[in-house]
Amino acid sequence: MENYSLKIMNYHQWANHKWFEHLKKLPEDMITQNINSVFPTLKDTLVHMLKTDFIWLLTITGKEYTETIDRLNEFNEKIQNMSLAGLEKQFDEITGQYLNFLNGIEDPQQTLTISHPKFGEAKAPLQDLIGHVVNHGTYHRGNLTAMLRQMGESGAATDYIFYLYEEQSLFAPKH
């Protein structure tokens, strides 16, 4: 049985990597330039994505809500003034932890129970929660594209089909 969670997390890592490669080519001050958009800056968008990946990693690996919040507060301090290279390293570390976790599970379709003080208890298949993490990243990579277009730049092509084409040789070469 294919571990779909592992497959889409690999896509998530690939797409984030493509974005960091793209952002490194832009003028450094563009990352922190204020813009009237979903987030005040490109960096704020990246930080939001990173923190969300971190929260869900803690959640799916069984951390209780209070521990997650405590660890998030520590994480916020750690990344507060981080450079683009530092943020990229954090994305890589967190995604690596997801991949290690997903490689080590016996049942990728197992149901997890998560608890939240406001929303209560929920049961969901692990692959649905991983799907949420990846979908959240995709949504905000779209925000990055829109923000860059407002600044006169282009975004990075990270649609899933490009991942399949590049990483999984989806199409046979033309003869």
Protein backbone atom coordinates (compact mmCIF):
# COMPACT_ATOMS: atom_id res chain seq x y z
CA MET A 1 0.00 0.00 0.00
CA GLU A 2 1.39 3.38 -1.03
CA ASN A 3 1.92 5.90 1.75
CA TYR A 4 0.13 8.86 0.16
CA SER A 5 1.01 11.06 3.14
CA LEU A 6 4.68 10.50 2.44
CA LYS A 7 4.19 11.22 -1.26
CA ILE A 8 2.45 14.55 -0.72
CA MET A 9 4.85 15.59 2.04
CA ASN A 10 7.67 15.04 -0.44
CA TYR A 11 5.77 17.36 -2.80
CA HIS A 12 5.41 19.93 0.01
CA GLN A 13 9.17 19.83 0.59
CA TRP A 14 9.87 20.14 -3.14
CA ALA A 15 7.50 23.12 -3.52
CA ASN A 16 8.95 24.94 -0.51
CA HIS A 17 12.45 24.32 -1.84
CA LYS A 18 11.46 25.77 -5.23
CA TRP A 19 10.17 28.88 -3.46
CA PHE A 20 13.33 29.42 -1.46
CA GLU A 21 15.43 29.01 -4.61
CA HIS A 22 13.22 31.61 -6.30
CA LEU A 23 13.28 34.06 -3.39
CA LYS A 24 17.09 33.90 -3.13
CA LYS A 25 17.31 35.36 -6.65
CA LEU A 26 15.36 38.48 -5.66
CA PRO A 27 16.78 41.60 -4.00
CA GLU A 28 17.19 40.79 -0.31
CA ASP A 29 15.11 43.76 0.89
CA MET A 30 12.12 42.56 -1.16
CA ILE A 31 11.54 39.76 1.38
CA THR A 32 10.76 42.28 4.12
CA GLN A 33 9.22 45.01 1.94
CA ASN A 34 5.79 46.03 3.22
CA ILE A 35 2.93 45.35 0.85
CA ASN A 36 -0.83 45.72 1.20
CA SER A 37 -1.78 42.05 0.93
CA VAL A 38 -2.75 38.99 2.94
CA PHE A 39 0.42 39.34 5.03
CA PRO A 40 2.48 42.50 5.44
CA THR A 41 5.62 40.95 3.90
CA LEU A 42 6.80 37.86 2.04
CA LYS A 43 8.80 36.91 5.14
CA ASP A 44 5.67 37.13 7.33
CA THR A 45 3.97 34.69 4.96
CA LEU A 46 6.89 32.27 5.19
CA VAL A 47 6.93 32.54 8.99
CA HIS A 48 3.20 31.79 9.13
CA MET A 49 3.67 28.74 6.91
CA LEU A 50 6.59 27.53 9.01
CA LYS A 51 4.75 27.94 12.30
CA THR A 52 1.73 26.09 10.95
CA ASP A 53 3.90 23.20 9.76
CA PHE A 54 5.50 23.13 13.22
CA ILE A 55 2.15 23.12 15.06
CA TRP A 56 0.75 20.29 12.95
CA LEU A 57 3.94 18.24 13.32
CA LEU A 58 3.57 18.43 17.08
CA THR A 59 -0.14 17.64 16.82
CA ILE A 60 0.14 14.57 14.60
CA THR A 61 3.02 13.18 16.65
CA GLY A 62 0.80 13.18 19.73
CA LYS A 63 1.75 16.30 21.65
CA GLU A 64 -0.95 17.73 23.90
CA TYR A 65 -2.27 21.22 23.21
CA THR A 66 -0.52 22.87 26.17
CA GLU A 67 2.85 21.36 25.22
CA THR A 68 2.33 22.44 21.62
CA ILE A 69 1.66 26.03 22.71
CA ASP A 70 4.71 26.06 25.00
CA ARG A 71 6.93 24.72 22.23
CA LEU A 72 5.42 27.17 19.72
CA ASN A 73 6.25 30.08 22.02
CA GLU A 74 9.88 28.89 22.19
CA PHE A 75 9.90 28.42 18.42
CA ASN A 76 8.55 31.95 17.87
CA GLU A 77 11.47 33.37 19.82
CA LYS A 78 13.93 31.26 17.85
CA ILE A 79 12.69 32.37 14.41
CA GLN A 80 11.70 35.96 15.23
CA ASN A 81 14.65 37.65 13.50
CA MET A 82 15.75 34.78 11.29
CA SER A 83 17.18 35.38 7.83
CA LEU A 84 15.77 33.79 4.69
CA ALA A 85 18.52 31.16 4.85
CA GLY A 86 17.64 30.44 8.48
CA LEU A 87 13.95 30.05 7.63
CA GLU A 88 14.85 27.70 4.79
CA LYS A 89 16.89 25.58 7.21
CA GLN A 90 13.94 25.46 9.64
CA PHE A 91 11.57 24.36 6.84
CA ASP A 92 14.01 21.61 5.90
CA GLU A 93 14.35 20.44 9.51
CA ILE A 94 10.61 20.35 10.14
CA THR A 95 9.86 18.63 6.84
CA GLY A 96 12.59 16.12 7.65
CA GLN A 97 10.83 15.37 10.92
CA TYR A 98 7.55 14.82 9.06
CA LEU A 99 9.27 12.47 6.62
CA ASN A 100 10.95 10.51 9.44
CA PHE A 101 7.63 10.19 11.23
CA LEU A 102 5.78 9.12 8.09
CA ASN A 103 8.49 6.60 7.16
CA GLY A 104 8.20 5.04 10.59
CA ILE A 105 4.45 4.44 10.78
CA GLU A 106 2.87 1.07 10.07
CA ASP A 107 -0.56 2.32 9.00
CA PRO A 108 -0.53 5.54 6.96
CA GLN A 109 -4.33 5.55 7.05
CA GLN A 110 -4.61 5.34 10.82
CA THR A 111 -7.09 7.59 12.56
CA LEU A 112 -5.71 10.12 15.02
CA THR A 113 -7.57 11.84 17.82
CA ILE A 114 -6.67 15.46 18.39
CA SER A 115 -7.93 17.75 21.11
CA HIS A 116 -8.29 21.51 21.15
CA PRO A 117 -9.67 23.53 24.09
CA LYS A 118 -11.95 25.61 21.86
CA PHE A 119 -12.91 23.16 19.11
CA GLY A 120 -13.02 19.97 21.17
CA GLU A 121 -11.94 16.51 20.13
CA ALA A 122 -11.70 15.36 16.53
CA LYS A 123 -10.85 12.07 14.91
CA ALA A 124 -9.32 12.16 11.44
CA PRO A 125 -7.19 9.91 9.28
CA LEU A 126 -3.52 10.86 9.44
CA GLN A 127 -3.43 11.28 5.67
CA ASP A 128 -6.22 13.89 5.89
CA LEU A 129 -4.21 15.89 8.43
CA ILE A 130 -1.10 15.66 6.26
CA GLY A 131 -3.27 16.70 3.33
CA HIS A 132 -4.31 19.75 5.33
CA VAL A 133 -0.68 20.70 6.03
CA VAL A 134 0.23 20.41 2.36
CA ASN A 135 -2.91 22.23 1.21
CA HIS A 136 -2.19 25.05 3.67
CA GLY A 137 1.29 25.41 2.22
CA THR A 138 -0.07 25.41 -1.32
CA TYR A 139 -2.56 28.13 -0.44
CA HIS A 140 0.12 30.39 1.00
CA ARG A 141 2.57 29.73 -1.82
CA GLY A 142 -0.24 31.18 -3.95
CA ASN A 143 -0.27 34.21 -1.65
CA LEU A 144 3.47 34.59 -2.24
CA THR A 145 2.88 34.56 -5.98
CA ALA A 146 0.17 37.22 -5.73
CA MET A 147 2.36 39.37 -3.49
CA LEU A 148 5.32 39.14 -5.85
CA ARG A 149 3.13 40.05 -8.80
CA GLN A 150 2.03 43.16 -6.92
CA MET A 151 5.74 44.00 -6.65
CA GLY A 152 6.32 43.44 -10.36
CA GLU A 153 7.94 40.01 -10.05
CA SER A 154 6.85 36.51 -10.99
CA GLY A 155 6.25 33.59 -8.67
CA ALA A 156 7.62 30.06 -8.69
CA ALA A 157 5.85 27.26 -10.56
CA THR A 158 5.00 24.74 -7.86
CA ASP A 159 1.77 23.12 -9.06
CA TYR A 160 1.63 19.45 -8.18
CA ILE A 161 1.82 18.44 -11.84
CA PHE A 162 5.24 20.13 -12.09
CA TYR A 163 6.40 18.06 -9.14
CA LEU A 164 5.17 14.89 -10.80
CA TYR A 165 6.82 15.87 -14.05
CA GLU A 166 10.15 16.77 -12.47
CA GLU A 167 10.45 14.32 -9.59
CA GLN A 168 8.57 11.30 -10.84
CA SER A 169 9.12 11.40 -14.60
CA LEU A 170 5.38 11.52 -15.17
CA PHE A 171 5.74 11.96 -18.89
CA ALA A 172 7.92 10.01 -21.25
CA PRO A 173 10.39 12.11 -23.25
CA LYS A 174 9.38 12.94 -26.83
CA HIS A 175 11.25 11.12 -29.56
